Amino acid sequence: HYGALIGTIMVANVAHIIIPGQKRMVAALTAGEPINPQDGARGKQRSVHNTYLTLPVLFIMISNHYASTYSSEWNWLILIGMTIAGALIRVYFVARHKGNASPLPAIGGLVALAATAFITNGLPTLGSTPNVDATAVSLEHVQTIVTTRCTGCHAAEPSWPGFASAPAGIMLERAEDIEK
C-alpha cells in the first residue's frame, strides 16, 4: 500500500500540477500573454518532491525480491529507514548537481542504510527468543514454494525473460539443490 501511495502522489504531481501548469504557460506564450510565475514555481516544487521520492519508490519496486524487507517483524521500520535513506541520498545528489553539496545528507542516508541493514540482519524479536522447529515443514512444501517463486530464474533453462542462465549459477530445480 505504501508503494501505491507514493506512486499515486508522484503521478498526481505530474498529472494535476506539472503538466497543467506547463500547458497554461505554453498557451500564454502562444497567445502573447504574460506567464503566471506560480505555475512554474508549483511545477518545480512538485518535480523536486518527485525527485526525493524516486529512490524510495525504486526500493519498494524491487523489495519483493528480498524477503528480509517484507517478511521481517521489523518490515515497517525497514521501509521507513529505506525511505529516509533514499530521500537523504537524493538531497545530496540534487545539491551536488547545483554545485553546493554538503556531505551531511549523504552521510545521514548512509547511516539510515546501515541501520536498516542491521535491522534486517537479525535484530532479536521483542520480548522473546524465536523457537522454530525446522522439521515442522516438509521438503515437499518447500519445493512447492521454490518451484512457484524461484525456478523461473534459478533453473538450468530459466523461463523468466532476460535470464540466459541461473543467477550466480544457483539452480533450485532438484530437492538436493534446495536442501543445499
Protein backbone atom coordinates (compact mmCIF):
# COMPACT_ATOMS: atom_id res chain seq x y z
CA HIS A 1 0.00 0.00 0.00
CA TYR A 2 2.87 2.33 0.81
CA GLY A 3 4.36 1.98 -2.67
CA ALA A 4 0.98 2.57 -4.28
CA LEU A 5 0.51 5.68 -2.15
CA ILE A 6 3.89 7.14 -3.07
CA GLY A 7 3.41 6.25 -6.75
CA THR A 8 -0.03 7.88 -6.72
CA ILE A 9 1.43 11.04 -5.18
CA MET A 10 4.10 11.17 -7.88
CA VAL A 11 1.60 10.62 -10.71
CA ALA A 12 -0.78 13.20 -9.21
CA ASN A 13 2.06 15.73 -9.04
CA VAL A 14 2.70 15.27 -12.76
CA ALA A 15 -0.91 14.94 -13.94
CA HIS A 16 -2.54 17.64 -11.81
CA ILE A 17 0.19 20.22 -11.19
CA ILE A 18 3.20 19.96 -13.52
CA ILE A 19 1.56 19.24 -16.90
CA PRO A 20 -1.44 21.57 -16.48
CA GLY A 21 0.92 24.37 -15.41
CA GLN A 22 3.13 23.76 -18.45
CA LYS A 23 0.08 23.78 -20.73
CA ARG A 24 -1.06 27.12 -19.28
CA MET A 25 2.41 28.62 -19.70
CA VAL A 26 2.69 27.42 -23.33
CA ALA A 27 -0.81 28.74 -24.07
CA ALA A 28 0.10 32.12 -22.55
CA LEU A 29 3.30 32.31 -24.59
CA THR A 30 1.46 31.34 -27.76
CA ALA A 31 -1.19 34.00 -27.12
CA GLY A 32 1.46 36.61 -26.34
CA GLU A 33 0.19 36.98 -22.77
CA PRO A 34 2.30 37.15 -19.61
CA ILE A 35 3.11 33.85 -17.93
CA ASN A 36 1.87 33.22 -14.41
CA PRO A 37 5.10 32.55 -12.44
CA GLN A 38 3.17 30.48 -9.89
CA ASP A 39 2.71 27.72 -12.49
CA GLY A 40 6.48 27.41 -12.87
CA ALA A 41 7.09 27.59 -9.11
CA ARG A 42 4.45 24.94 -8.34
CA GLY A 43 5.73 22.69 -11.12
CA LYS A 44 9.29 22.96 -9.84
CA GLN A 45 8.20 22.27 -6.27
CA ARG A 46 6.29 19.12 -7.25
CA SER A 47 9.13 18.00 -9.50
CA VAL A 48 11.51 18.30 -6.54
CA HIS A 49 9.07 16.29 -4.39
CA ASN A 50 9.06 13.57 -7.06
CA THR A 51 12.86 13.65 -7.17
CA TYR A 52 13.09 12.87 -3.45
CA LEU A 53 10.59 10.02 -3.80
CA THR A 54 12.40 8.35 -6.73
CA LEU A 55 14.88 6.17 -4.79
CA PRO A 56 12.32 5.06 -2.18
CA VAL A 57 9.93 4.05 -4.98
CA LEU A 58 12.67 2.09 -6.75
CA PHE A 59 13.43 0.29 -3.49
CA ILE A 60 9.76 -0.55 -3.00
CA MET A 61 9.56 -1.88 -6.57
CA ILE A 62 12.41 -4.36 -6.02
CA SER A 63 11.75 -5.16 -2.34
CA ASN A 64 9.58 -8.18 -3.17
CA HIS A 65 12.79 -9.93 -4.28
CA TYR A 66 14.25 -9.64 -0.79
CA ALA A 67 12.21 -11.44 1.85
CA SER A 68 14.03 -9.68 4.69
CA THR A 69 12.37 -6.42 3.63
CA TYR A 70 8.78 -7.62 3.85
CA SER A 71 8.67 -10.77 5.98
CA SER A 72 10.53 -9.36 8.95
CA GLU A 73 8.74 -8.33 12.12
CA TRP A 74 10.50 -5.02 11.52
CA ASN A 75 9.30 -4.54 7.91
CA TRP A 76 7.63 -1.23 8.74
CA LEU A 77 10.88 0.10 10.22
CA ILE A 78 12.88 -1.17 7.25
CA LEU A 79 10.52 0.63 4.87
CA ILE A 80 10.78 3.88 6.83
CA GLY A 81 14.57 3.58 7.05
CA MET A 82 14.93 2.95 3.33
CA THR A 83 12.58 5.84 2.52
CA ILE A 84 14.59 8.23 4.70
CA ALA A 85 17.89 6.93 3.30
CA GLY A 86 16.70 7.28 -0.29
CA ALA A 87 15.38 10.79 0.24
CA LEU A 88 18.56 11.95 2.02
CA ILE A 89 20.80 10.48 -0.66
CA ARG A 90 18.69 12.22 -3.29
CA VAL A 91 19.01 15.53 -1.37
CA TYR A 92 22.77 15.14 -1.66
CA PHE A 93 22.63 14.40 -5.41
CA VAL A 94 20.43 17.45 -6.05
CA ALA A 95 22.76 19.70 -4.04
CA ARG A 96 25.82 18.24 -5.78
CA HIS A 97 24.24 18.96 -9.17
CA LYS A 98 23.77 22.59 -8.09
CA GLY A 99 27.42 22.78 -7.03
CA ASN A 100 26.87 23.31 -3.31
CA ALA A 101 26.85 19.79 -1.92
CA SER A 102 27.33 19.18 1.77
CA PRO A 103 28.15 15.57 2.61
CA LEU A 104 25.76 15.60 5.59
CA PRO A 105 22.63 14.39 3.75
CA ALA A 106 24.60 11.57 2.09
CA ILE A 107 26.12 10.61 5.44
CA GLY A 108 22.66 10.65 7.01
CA GLY A 109 21.37 8.47 4.18
CA LEU A 110 24.23 6.01 4.61
CA VAL A 111 23.63 5.89 8.37
CA ALA A 112 19.94 5.12 7.66
CA LEU A 113 21.02 2.37 5.24
CA ALA A 114 23.43 0.92 7.80
CA ALA A 115 20.76 0.96 10.50
CA THR A 116 18.32 -0.71 8.13
CA ALA A 117 20.90 -3.38 7.25
CA PHE A 118 21.46 -4.03 10.95
CA ILE A 119 17.74 -4.45 11.49
CA THR A 120 17.33 -6.83 8.55
CA ASN A 121 20.26 -8.96 9.70
CA GLY A 122 18.77 -10.22 12.88
CA LEU A 123 17.57 -7.74 15.43
CA PRO A 124 16.13 -10.01 18.12
CA THR A 125 12.39 -10.47 18.42
CA LEU A 126 10.96 -8.21 21.09
CA GLY A 127 10.31 -9.95 24.38
CA SER A 128 11.11 -13.50 23.30
CA THR A 129 13.53 -15.82 21.62
CA PRO A 130 12.15 -17.47 18.50
CA ASN A 131 11.53 -21.20 18.90
CA VAL A 132 11.46 -22.73 15.45
CA ASP A 133 11.20 -26.44 14.74
CA ALA A 134 12.74 -26.91 11.31
CA THR A 135 11.27 -30.41 11.00
CA ALA A 136 7.74 -28.98 11.04
CA VAL A 137 7.99 -28.07 7.33
CA SER A 138 8.19 -30.83 4.77
CA LEU A 139 10.57 -30.74 1.84
CA GLU A 140 7.59 -31.12 -0.48
CA HIS A 141 6.05 -27.95 0.93
CA VAL A 142 9.33 -26.08 0.48
CA GLN A 143 9.70 -27.47 -3.04
CA THR A 144 6.24 -26.21 -3.97
CA ILE A 145 7.12 -22.69 -2.82
CA VAL A 146 10.53 -22.73 -4.52
CA THR A 147 9.06 -24.05 -7.77
CA THR A 148 6.41 -21.32 -7.75
CA ARG A 149 8.67 -18.41 -6.80
CA CYS A 150 12.27 -19.23 -7.63
CA THR A 151 12.75 -21.63 -10.53
CA GLY A 152 11.66 -19.09 -13.11
CA CYS A 153 15.18 -17.70 -12.70
CA HIS A 154 17.07 -20.40 -10.78
CA ALA A 155 16.86 -23.22 -13.31
CA ALA A 156 19.13 -24.81 -15.90
CA GLU A 157 16.95 -23.11 -18.52
CA PRO A 158 15.26 -20.13 -16.83
CA SER A 159 11.78 -19.25 -18.11
CA TRP A 160 11.99 -15.65 -16.87
CA PRO A 161 12.76 -13.24 -19.74
CA GLY A 162 16.26 -11.80 -19.66
CA PHE A 163 17.94 -14.72 -17.90
CA ALA A 164 20.06 -16.96 -20.12
CA SER A 165 21.30 -18.86 -17.08
CA ALA A 166 20.56 -19.14 -13.37
CA PRO A 167 21.77 -16.09 -11.37
CA ALA A 168 25.09 -16.88 -9.65
CA GLY A 169 24.76 -20.43 -11.03
CA ILE A 170 22.29 -21.29 -8.28
CA MET A 171 19.73 -23.81 -9.51
CA LEU A 172 16.77 -24.86 -7.39
CA GLU A 173 15.03 -27.47 -9.53
CA ARG A 174 16.04 -30.57 -7.57
CA ALA A 175 15.40 -31.37 -3.91
CA GLU A 176 19.17 -31.80 -3.35
CA ASP A 177 19.79 -28.26 -4.62
CA ILE A 178 17.10 -26.84 -2.34
CA GLU A 179 18.43 -28.69 0.69
CA LYS A 180 21.97 -27.49 -0.08
